[in-house]
Amino acid sequence: MLSRNFKLDEFTRSDTADELGDPNTPDEPHMRALHGLACGMEQVRRILGDRAITITSGYRNPVVNKAVGGVSNSAHALGYAADFSVKGMEPVDVARALEASPLAFDQLIYEASRRINHISFDPRMRREVKTQKGGAGTAVVWGIVD
């Protein structure tokens, strides 16, 4: 367990890794980052009324990150980011609740077309809030946009 409610395999499971036969195993620095990510996700869970959270994408080692088209400095590749959904909540409502909360984070991106949110706990903690209405590679705009 990385934290009370989150297991390591929730953050390392990857269909792409499975297809490649890659275990997507984090090294020690990435394990530390993943522990911080899990602690951040515990705060997200509390803010959202202790609802169950499903991690849809977490850590990506260099091989997996390259295979999915990620940039080398991706927050996912560094162990700082997770894409997630929340049981019983619309993704836009999750984004609005987190934006309105005092939670410290680096980036929160409401990914409308994928019906998920991306959050990172990169140490920069810039508290950037954005929306990506289209799929991967489409424009990202500031704020939560329906």
Protein backbone atom coordinates (compact mmCIF):
# COMPACT_ATOMS: atom_id res chain seq x y z
CA MET A 1 0.00 0.00 0.00
CA LEU A 2 1.25 3.44 -0.88
CA SER A 3 -1.35 5.02 1.39
CA ARG A 4 -4.50 4.09 3.27
CA ASN A 5 -6.67 3.75 0.15
CA PHE A 6 -4.21 3.40 -2.74
CA LYS A 7 -2.03 0.47 -3.82
CA LEU A 8 1.10 0.75 -5.94
CA ASP A 9 -0.41 -1.36 -8.72
CA GLU A 10 -3.20 1.20 -9.18
CA PHE A 11 -0.54 3.70 -10.26
CA THR A 12 1.61 1.32 -12.34
CA ARG A 13 -1.05 -0.75 -14.15
CA SER A 14 -0.93 -0.03 -17.86
CA ASP A 15 -2.51 -1.70 -20.89
CA THR A 16 0.38 -0.39 -22.98
CA ALA A 17 2.93 -1.89 -20.58
CA ASP A 18 1.05 -5.21 -20.72
CA GLU A 19 1.08 -5.14 -24.54
CA LEU A 20 4.84 -4.45 -24.48
CA GLY A 21 5.50 -7.09 -21.82
CA ASP A 22 7.02 -4.34 -19.66
CA PRO A 23 6.43 -4.52 -15.88
CA ASN A 24 6.42 -0.67 -15.66
CA THR A 25 8.35 -0.90 -12.39
CA PRO A 26 9.34 2.42 -10.80
CA ASP A 27 12.83 2.96 -9.42
CA GLU A 28 13.46 4.41 -5.94
CA PRO A 29 13.14 8.13 -6.83
CA HIS A 30 9.90 7.42 -8.67
CA MET A 31 8.63 5.37 -5.72
CA ARG A 32 9.11 8.43 -3.49
CA ALA A 33 7.20 10.55 -5.99
CA LEU A 34 4.42 7.94 -6.17
CA HIS A 35 4.11 7.94 -2.39
CA GLY A 36 3.62 11.72 -2.54
CA LEU A 37 1.07 11.26 -5.34
CA ALA A 38 -0.87 8.71 -3.28
CA CYS A 39 -0.88 11.09 -0.30
CA GLY A 40 -2.21 13.83 -2.58
CA MET A 41 -4.90 11.50 -3.87
CA GLU A 42 -5.92 10.76 -0.27
CA GLN A 43 -6.57 14.50 0.11
CA VAL A 44 -8.55 14.50 -3.14
CA ARG A 45 -10.63 11.63 -1.81
CA ARG A 46 -11.37 13.48 1.46
CA ILE A 47 -12.33 16.69 -0.37
CA LEU A 48 -14.76 14.72 -2.52
CA GLY A 49 -16.60 13.13 0.39
CA ASP A 50 -14.48 9.98 0.69
CA ARG A 51 -15.82 8.64 -2.62
CA ALA A 52 -14.01 5.79 -4.38
CA ILE A 53 -11.43 6.93 -6.93
CA THR A 54 -10.32 4.93 -9.96
CA ILE A 55 -6.84 5.66 -11.27
CA THR A 56 -6.92 5.33 -15.07
CA SER A 57 -3.29 6.28 -15.66
CA GLY A 58 -0.39 6.85 -13.30
CA TYR A 59 3.33 6.18 -13.52
CA ARG A 60 4.89 5.46 -16.93
CA ASN A 61 8.49 4.27 -17.11
CA PRO A 62 10.52 5.61 -20.09
CA VAL A 63 9.60 2.71 -22.38
CA VAL A 64 5.87 2.95 -21.63
CA ASN A 65 5.91 6.75 -21.75
CA LYS A 66 7.52 6.71 -25.20
CA ALA A 67 5.05 4.10 -26.44
CA VAL A 68 2.07 6.27 -25.47
CA GLY A 69 3.64 9.35 -27.06
CA GLY A 70 4.45 11.09 -23.78
CA VAL A 71 7.16 13.72 -23.49
CA SER A 72 10.23 12.79 -21.43
CA ASN A 73 9.42 15.32 -18.70
CA SER A 74 5.77 14.23 -18.40
CA ALA A 75 4.48 14.36 -14.84
CA HIS A 76 3.36 10.76 -15.38
CA ALA A 77 6.93 9.72 -16.26
CA LEU A 78 8.19 11.41 -13.12
CA GLY A 79 5.62 9.74 -10.83
CA TYR A 80 3.83 12.98 -9.99
CA ALA A 81 0.55 12.59 -11.93
CA ALA A 82 -2.58 10.50 -12.12
CA ASP A 83 -5.61 10.52 -14.38
CA PHE A 84 -8.70 9.50 -12.44
CA SER A 85 -12.46 9.28 -12.17
CA VAL A 86 -14.63 9.49 -9.07
CA LYS A 87 -17.56 7.19 -8.38
CA GLY A 88 -20.86 9.08 -8.38
CA MET A 89 -19.47 12.38 -9.68
CA GLU A 90 -19.28 13.98 -13.09
CA PRO A 91 -15.70 14.86 -14.04
CA VAL A 92 -16.50 18.56 -14.44
CA ASP A 93 -17.95 18.62 -10.90
CA VAL A 94 -14.80 16.92 -9.59
CA ALA A 95 -12.66 19.59 -11.26
CA ARG A 96 -14.79 22.42 -9.88
CA ALA A 97 -14.71 20.97 -6.35
CA LEU A 98 -10.94 20.60 -6.41
CA GLU A 99 -10.46 24.07 -7.88
CA ALA A 100 -12.62 25.55 -5.09
CA SER A 101 -10.76 23.63 -2.37
CA PRO A 102 -7.55 24.67 -0.60
CA LEU A 103 -5.75 21.59 -2.00
CA ALA A 104 -2.14 22.24 -3.03
CA PHE A 105 -1.37 20.73 -6.45
CA ASP A 106 0.68 21.55 -9.51
CA GLN A 107 -1.82 20.98 -12.32
CA LEU A 108 -5.46 20.01 -12.56
CA ILE A 109 -6.72 19.34 -16.08
CA TYR A 110 -10.36 18.52 -16.77
CA GLU A 111 -10.18 16.25 -19.84
CA ALA A 112 -13.75 16.56 -21.12
CA SER A 113 -13.59 14.12 -24.05
CA ARG A 114 -11.99 11.40 -21.92
CA ARG A 115 -14.35 12.08 -18.99
CA ILE A 116 -11.49 12.11 -16.48
CA ASN A 117 -9.34 14.57 -14.57
CA HIS A 118 -5.56 14.75 -14.53
CA ILE A 119 -3.86 15.97 -11.38
CA SER A 120 -0.19 16.34 -10.62
CA PHE A 121 1.65 16.96 -7.39
CA ASP A 122 4.90 18.11 -8.98
CA PRO A 123 6.89 19.99 -6.30
CA ARG A 124 6.42 23.27 -8.19
CA MET A 125 2.81 23.34 -6.89
CA ARG A 126 1.76 26.06 -9.39
CA ARG A 127 -1.98 25.33 -8.90
CA GLU A 128 -2.71 25.55 -12.62
CA VAL A 129 -6.31 24.73 -13.55
CA LYS A 130 -7.07 23.91 -17.18
CA THR A 131 -9.53 22.19 -19.53
CA GLN A 132 -8.82 20.03 -22.56
CA LYS A 133 -12.07 19.58 -24.47
CA GLY A 134 -10.72 17.38 -27.27
CA GLY A 135 -8.51 14.34 -27.15
CA ALA A 136 -4.76 14.07 -26.81
CA GLY A 137 -2.89 16.78 -28.64
CA THR A 138 -5.79 19.24 -28.70
CA ALA A 139 -5.73 22.70 -27.20
CA VAL A 140 -5.66 23.18 -23.44
CA VAL A 141 -7.28 26.34 -22.06
CA TRP A 142 -7.10 27.99 -18.65
CA GLY A 143 -9.92 27.36 -16.20
CA ILE A 144 -12.76 24.86 -16.06
CA VAL A 145 -14.79 25.12 -19.26
CA ASP A 146 -17.93 23.08 -19.85
